[in-house]
């Protein structure tokens, strides 16, 4: 065997070792990237579940309040502030980062209706909730609209519970927080 043969054998062994180490480093890197990806997916799913639970909590408060509002022309403002969220509990940007567009619209729709309802029936010209039914707005119309919005929140809650296999909060018994004033 000549010197060139020894050099060829040594080069082949060195190339084999380098190839093995490159393959091993690539595999380790691939495993780390896969683990990071899975962890990110899991974090996003956990954030989504937290958001869904908060949406369900807010929805249930709105449902209870709207059903109790049925035949009244006054709102107890303290109870209103405790139970009702006129706007979604999270920004549209936060929601859109975790939900697809169709689900996002399904989540935002009841709150849009809720805002319009309060603007039409319960807000003054400055955009403040007055606690009394706006002049010229009948209690019947208000109750009918409140029931329709409550059903939208029920539909949203049911859809989220089924899609994410999350149970909403246990309904709290809300004391009658609406002061009914008999018609004069």
C-alpha atoms as a PDB file:
ATOM      1  CA  UNK A   1       0.000   0.000   0.000  1.00  0.00           C
ATOM      2  CA  UNK A   2       1.253   3.364  -0.885  1.00  0.00           C
ATOM      3  CA  UNK A   3       1.030   6.597   1.056  1.00  0.00           C
ATOM      4  CA  UNK A   4      -1.772   7.838  -1.179  1.00  0.00           C
ATOM      5  CA  UNK A   5      -3.860   4.810  -0.199  1.00  0.00           C
ATOM      6  CA  UNK A   6      -3.409   5.612   3.500  1.00  0.00           C
ATOM      7  CA  UNK A   7      -4.344   9.221   2.889  1.00  0.00           C
ATOM      8  CA  UNK A   8      -7.484   8.074   1.021  1.00  0.00           C
ATOM      9  CA  UNK A   9      -8.494   5.754   3.889  1.00  0.00           C
ATOM     10  CA  UNK A  10      -7.929   8.473   6.510  1.00  0.00           C
ATOM     11  CA  UNK A  11      -9.900  11.000   4.395  1.00  0.00           C
ATOM     12  CA  UNK A  12     -12.768   8.522   4.025  1.00  0.00           C
ATOM     13  CA  UNK A  13     -12.869   7.881   7.791  1.00  0.00           C
ATOM     14  CA  UNK A  14     -12.746  11.614   8.553  1.00  0.00           C
ATOM     15  CA  UNK A  15     -15.516  12.337   6.016  1.00  0.00           C
ATOM     16  CA  UNK A  16     -17.590   9.534   7.494  1.00  0.00           C
ATOM     17  CA  UNK A  17     -17.173  10.952  11.003  1.00  0.00           C
ATOM     18  CA  UNK A  18     -17.983  14.484   9.830  1.00  0.00           C
ATOM     19  CA  UNK A  19     -21.081  13.229   8.028  1.00  0.00           C
ATOM     20  CA  UNK A  20     -22.189  11.326  11.129  1.00  0.00           C
ATOM     21  CA  UNK A  21     -21.711  14.394  13.367  1.00  0.00           C
ATOM     22  CA  UNK A  22     -23.552  16.626  10.878  1.00  0.00           C
ATOM     23  CA  UNK A  23     -26.449  14.154  10.723  1.00  0.00           C
ATOM     24  CA  UNK A  24     -26.538  13.955  14.535  1.00  0.00           C
ATOM     25  CA  UNK A  25     -26.486  17.756  14.934  1.00  0.00           C
ATOM     26  CA  UNK A  26     -29.252  18.113  12.329  1.00  0.00           C
ATOM     27  CA  UNK A  27     -31.358  15.484  14.098  1.00  0.00           C
ATOM     28  CA  UNK A  28     -30.901  17.181  17.480  1.00  0.00           C
ATOM     29  CA  UNK A  29     -31.761  20.542  15.933  1.00  0.00           C
ATOM     30  CA  UNK A  30     -34.822  19.037  14.245  1.00  0.00           C
ATOM     31  CA  UNK A  31     -35.990  17.529  17.558  1.00  0.00           C
ATOM     32  CA  UNK A  32     -35.571  20.883  19.310  1.00  0.00           C
ATOM     33  CA  UNK A  33     -37.505  22.731  16.592  1.00  0.00           C
ATOM     34  CA  UNK A  34     -40.288  20.112  16.673  1.00  0.00           C
ATOM     35  CA  UNK A  35     -40.507  20.401  20.471  1.00  0.00           C
ATOM     36  CA  UNK A  36     -40.639  24.214  20.275  1.00  0.00           C
ATOM     37  CA  UNK A  37     -43.369  24.011  17.627  1.00  0.00           C
ATOM     38  CA  UNK A  38     -45.433  21.586  19.713  1.00  0.00           C
ATOM     39  CA  UNK A  39     -44.944  23.769  22.776  1.00  0.00           C
ATOM     40  CA  UNK A  40     -46.082  26.864  20.853  1.00  0.00           C
ATOM     41  CA  UNK A  41     -49.183  25.022  19.587  1.00  0.00           C
ATOM     42  CA  UNK A  42     -49.949  23.896  23.134  1.00  0.00           C
ATOM     43  CA  UNK A  43     -49.483  27.441  24.503  1.00  0.00           C
ATOM     44  CA  UNK A  44     -51.780  28.825  21.820  1.00  0.00           C
ATOM     45  CA  UNK A  45     -54.408  26.195  22.646  1.00  0.00           C
ATOM     46  CA  UNK A  46     -54.118  27.029  26.358  1.00  0.00           C
ATOM     47  CA  UNK A  47     -54.553  30.737  25.588  1.00  0.00           C
ATOM     48  CA  UNK A  48     -57.553  29.881  23.437  1.00  0.00           C
ATOM     49  CA  UNK A  49     -59.128  27.848  26.273  1.00  0.00           C
ATOM     50  CA  UNK A  50     -58.538  30.682  28.763  1.00  0.00           C
ATOM     51  CA  UNK A  51     -60.137  33.134  26.333  1.00  0.00           C
ATOM     52  CA  UNK A  52     -63.096  30.806  25.728  1.00  0.00           C
ATOM     53  CA  UNK A  53     -63.677  30.459  29.486  1.00  0.00           C
ATOM     54  CA  UNK A  54     -63.618  34.241  29.901  1.00  0.00           C
ATOM     55  CA  UNK A  55     -65.997  34.680  26.969  1.00  0.00           C
ATOM     56  CA  UNK A  56     -68.324  32.066  28.492  1.00  0.00           C
ATOM     57  CA  UNK A  57     -68.204  33.793  31.881  1.00  0.00           C
ATOM     58  CA  UNK A  58     -69.063  37.157  30.313  1.00  0.00           C
ATOM     59  CA  UNK A  59     -71.778  35.585  28.154  1.00  0.00           C
ATOM     60  CA  UNK A  60     -73.438  33.906  31.126  1.00  0.00           C
ATOM     61  CA  UNK A  61     -73.480  37.193  33.053  1.00  0.00           C
ATOM     62  CA  UNK A  62     -75.085  38.907  30.069  1.00  0.00           C
ATOM     63  CA  UNK A  63     -77.650  36.129  29.628  1.00  0.00           C
ATOM     64  CA  UNK A  64     -78.734  36.270  33.268  1.00  0.00           C
ATOM     65  CA  UNK A  65     -78.953  40.052  33.211  1.00  0.00           C
ATOM     66  CA  UNK A  66     -80.887  40.197  29.932  1.00  0.00           C
ATOM     67  CA  UNK A  67     -83.446  37.632  31.067  1.00  0.00           C
ATOM     68  CA  UNK A  68     -83.963  39.497  34.334  1.00  0.00           C
ATOM     69  CA  UNK A  69     -84.438  42.694  32.354  1.00  0.00           C
ATOM     70  CA  UNK A  70     -87.601  41.403  30.715  1.00  0.00           C
ATOM     71  CA  UNK A  71     -90.339  43.657  32.056  1.00  0.00           C
ATOM     72  CA  UNK A  72     -88.579  46.579  33.597  1.00  0.00           C
ATOM     73  CA  UNK A  73     -87.957  50.170  32.802  1.00  0.00           C
ATOM     74  CA  UNK A  74     -85.131  50.610  35.347  1.00  0.00           C
ATOM     75  CA  UNK A  75     -81.734  48.990  35.890  1.00  0.00           C
ATOM     76  CA  UNK A  76     -79.876  48.740  39.176  1.00  0.00           C
ATOM     77  CA  UNK A  77     -76.573  50.225  38.000  1.00  0.00           C
ATOM     78  CA  UNK A  78     -74.498  48.420  40.647  1.00  0.00           C
ATOM     79  CA  UNK A  79     -75.727  45.032  39.418  1.00  0.00           C
ATOM     80  CA  UNK A  80     -75.315  46.161  35.837  1.00  0.00           C
ATOM     81  CA  UNK A  81     -71.634  46.962  36.431  1.00  0.00           C
ATOM     82  CA  UNK A  82     -71.114  43.615  38.191  1.00  0.00           C
ATOM     83  CA  UNK A  83     -72.687  41.336  35.605  1.00  0.00           C
ATOM     84  CA  UNK A  84     -72.817  42.974  32.196  1.00  0.00           C
ATOM     85  CA  UNK A  85     -70.114  43.413  29.578  1.00  0.00           C
ATOM     86  CA  UNK A  86     -71.359  45.453  26.662  1.00  0.00           C
ATOM     87  CA  UNK A  87     -68.118  44.931  24.766  1.00  0.00           C
ATOM     88  CA  UNK A  88     -66.260  41.635  24.310  1.00  0.00           C
ATOM     89  CA  UNK A  89     -63.869  40.873  27.170  1.00  0.00           C
ATOM     90  CA  UNK A  90     -60.915  40.965  24.736  1.00  0.00           C
ATOM     91  CA  UNK A  91     -59.873  43.111  21.802  1.00  0.00           C
ATOM     92  CA  UNK A  92     -60.600  42.034  18.236  1.00  0.00           C
ATOM     93  CA  UNK A  93     -56.845  41.799  17.605  1.00  0.00           C
ATOM     94  CA  UNK A  94     -56.351  39.365  20.495  1.00  0.00           C
ATOM     95  CA  UNK A  95     -59.327  37.287  19.382  1.00  0.00           C
ATOM     96  CA  UNK A  96     -58.231  37.250  15.736  1.00  0.00           C
ATOM     97  CA  UNK A  97     -54.780  35.986  16.738  1.00  0.00           C
ATOM     98  CA  UNK A  98     -56.353  32.875  18.269  1.00  0.00           C
ATOM     99  CA  UNK A  99     -59.531  32.215  16.254  1.00  0.00           C
ATOM    100  CA  UNK A 100     -60.334  31.949  12.565  1.00  0.00           C
ATOM    101  CA  UNK A 101     -62.409  34.667  10.932  1.00  0.00           C
ATOM    102  CA  UNK A 102     -65.724  32.764  10.998  1.00  0.00           C
ATOM    103  CA  UNK A 103     -65.416  31.968  14.698  1.00  0.00           C
ATOM    104  CA  UNK A 104     -64.285  35.533  15.385  1.00  0.00           C
ATOM    105  CA  UNK A 105     -67.447  36.917  13.753  1.00  0.00           C
ATOM    106  CA  UNK A 106     -69.564  34.446  15.733  1.00  0.00           C
ATOM    107  CA  UNK A 107     -67.962  35.667  18.951  1.00  0.00           C
ATOM    108  CA  UNK A 108     -68.290  39.380  18.162  1.00  0.00           C
ATOM    109  CA  UNK A 109     -71.891  39.314  16.835  1.00  0.00           C
ATOM    110  CA  UNK A 110     -73.725  39.030  20.206  1.00  0.00           C
ATOM    111  CA  UNK A 111     -71.667  41.883  21.645  1.00  0.00           C
ATOM    112  CA  UNK A 112     -72.427  44.059  18.620  1.00  0.00           C
ATOM    113  CA  UNK A 113     -76.140  43.388  19.205  1.00  0.00           C
ATOM    114  CA  UNK A 114     -75.706  44.071  22.918  1.00  0.00           C
ATOM    115  CA  UNK A 115     -74.052  47.450  22.271  1.00  0.00           C
ATOM    116  CA  UNK A 116     -76.769  48.456  19.785  1.00  0.00           C
ATOM    117  CA  UNK A 117     -79.458  47.377  22.247  1.00  0.00           C
ATOM    118  CA  UNK A 118     -78.049  49.513  25.054  1.00  0.00           C
ATOM    119  CA  UNK A 119     -77.488  52.438  22.694  1.00  0.00           C
ATOM    120  CA  UNK A 120     -81.086  52.236  21.519  1.00  0.00           C
ATOM    121  CA  UNK A 121     -82.869  51.575  24.804  1.00  0.00           C
ATOM    122  CA  UNK A 122     -80.685  52.595  27.745  1.00  0.00           C
ATOM    123  CA  UNK A 123     -78.062  55.214  26.753  1.00  0.00           C
ATOM    124  CA  UNK A 124     -78.415  58.958  26.763  1.00  0.00           C
ATOM    125  CA  UNK A 125     -77.141  61.230  24.000  1.00  0.00           C
ATOM    126  CA  UNK A 126     -73.683  61.279  25.648  1.00  0.00           C
ATOM    127  CA  UNK A 127     -73.323  57.483  25.386  1.00  0.00           C
ATOM    128  CA  UNK A 128     -73.799  56.933  29.124  1.00  0.00           C
ATOM    129  CA  UNK A 129     -76.082  54.210  30.456  1.00  0.00           C
ATOM    130  CA  UNK A 130     -78.784  55.998  32.397  1.00  0.00           C
ATOM    131  CA  UNK A 131     -80.446  53.094  34.193  1.00  0.00           C
ATOM    132  CA  UNK A 132     -83.854  54.119  32.901  1.00  0.00           C
ATOM    133  CA  UNK A 133     -85.520  53.137  29.679  1.00  0.00           C
ATOM    134  CA  UNK A 134     -85.176  55.850  27.029  1.00  0.00           C
ATOM    135  CA  UNK A 135     -88.224  57.991  26.519  1.00  0.00           C
ATOM    136  CA  UNK A 136     -90.529  56.680  23.836  1.00  0.00           C
ATOM    137  CA  UNK A 137     -89.053  53.161  24.002  1.00  0.00           C
ATOM    138  CA  UNK A 138     -91.584  50.611  25.195  1.00  0.00           C
ATOM    139  CA  UNK A 139     -90.814  48.003  27.819  1.00  0.00           C
ATOM    140  CA  UNK A 140     -92.216  45.322  25.501  1.00  0.00           C
ATOM    141  CA  UNK A 141     -89.803  46.250  22.696  1.00  0.00           C
ATOM    142  CA  UNK A 142     -86.919  46.318  25.132  1.00  0.00           C
ATOM    143  CA  UNK A 143     -87.843  42.917  26.588  1.00  0.00           C
ATOM    144  CA  UNK A 144     -88.248  41.346  23.156  1.00  0.00           C
ATOM    145  CA  UNK A 145     -84.878  42.657  21.997  1.00  0.00           C
ATOM    146  CA  UNK A 146     -83.208  41.590  25.274  1.00  0.00           C
ATOM    147  CA  UNK A 147     -84.544  38.040  24.812  1.00  0.00           C
ATOM    148  CA  UNK A 148     -83.240  37.891  21.252  1.00  0.00           C
ATOM    149  CA  UNK A 149     -79.771  39.018  22.341  1.00  0.00           C
ATOM    150  CA  UNK A 150     -79.775  36.557  25.253  1.00  0.00           C
ATOM    151  CA  UNK A 151     -80.523  33.757  22.788  1.00  0.00           C
ATOM    152  CA  UNK A 152     -77.519  34.875  20.687  1.00  0.00           C
ATOM    153  CA  UNK A 153     -75.311  34.592  23.779  1.00  0.00           C
ATOM    154  CA  UNK A 154     -76.768  31.146  24.531  1.00  0.00           C
ATOM    155  CA  UNK A 155     -76.013  30.054  20.977  1.00  0.00           C
ATOM    156  CA  UNK A 156     -72.445  31.384  21.268  1.00  0.00           C
ATOM    157  CA  UNK A 157     -71.932  29.653  24.624  1.00  0.00           C
ATOM    158  CA  UNK A 158     -73.224  26.348  23.303  1.00  0.00           C
ATOM    159  CA  UNK A 159     -71.033  26.545  20.202  1.00  0.00           C
ATOM    160  CA  UNK A 160     -67.882  27.353  22.218  1.00  0.00           C
ATOM    161  CA  UNK A 161     -68.576  24.645  24.798  1.00  0.00           C
ATOM    162  CA  UNK A 162     -69.036  22.049  22.067  1.00  0.00           C
ATOM    163  CA  UNK A 163     -66.132  23.159  19.868  1.00  0.00           C
ATOM    164  CA  UNK A 164     -63.553  23.489  22.653  1.00  0.00           C
ATOM    165  CA  UNK A 165     -65.033  20.879  25.010  1.00  0.00           C
ATOM    166  CA  UNK A 166     -65.020  23.454  27.792  1.00  0.00           C
ATOM    167  CA  UNK A 167     -67.775  23.861  30.317  1.00  0.00           C
ATOM    168  CA  UNK A 168     -68.837  27.380  31.096  1.00  0.00           C
ATOM    169  CA  UNK A 169     -69.070  28.632  34.657  1.00  0.00           C
ATOM    170  CA  UNK A 170     -71.892  27.418  36.815  1.00  0.00           C
ATOM    171  CA  UNK A 171     -74.717  29.909  36.494  1.00  0.00           C
ATOM    172  CA  UNK A 172     -74.836  32.165  39.506  1.00  0.00           C
ATOM    173  CA  UNK A 173     -78.137  32.962  40.998  1.00  0.00           C
ATOM    174  CA  UNK A 174     -78.544  36.637  40.354  1.00  0.00           C
ATOM    175  CA  UNK A 175     -80.844  38.314  42.761  1.00  0.00           C
ATOM    176  CA  UNK A 176     -83.509  40.302  41.136  1.00  0.00           C
ATOM    177  CA  UNK A 177     -81.443  43.402  40.425  1.00  0.00           C
ATOM    178  CA  UNK A 178     -83.971  45.302  38.401  1.00  0.00           C
ATOM    179  CA  UNK A 179     -86.206  47.725  40.122  1.00  0.00           C
ATOM    180  CA  UNK A 180     -89.630  47.384  38.605  1.00  0.00           C
ATOM    181  CA  UNK A 181     -91.702  50.498  38.641  1.00  0.00           C
ATOM    182  CA  UNK A 182     -95.371  49.967  37.978  1.00  0.00           C
ATOM    183  CA  UNK A 183     -96.831  51.972  35.125  1.00  0.00           C
ATOM    184  CA  UNK A 184     -98.478  55.199  36.162  1.00  0.00           C
END
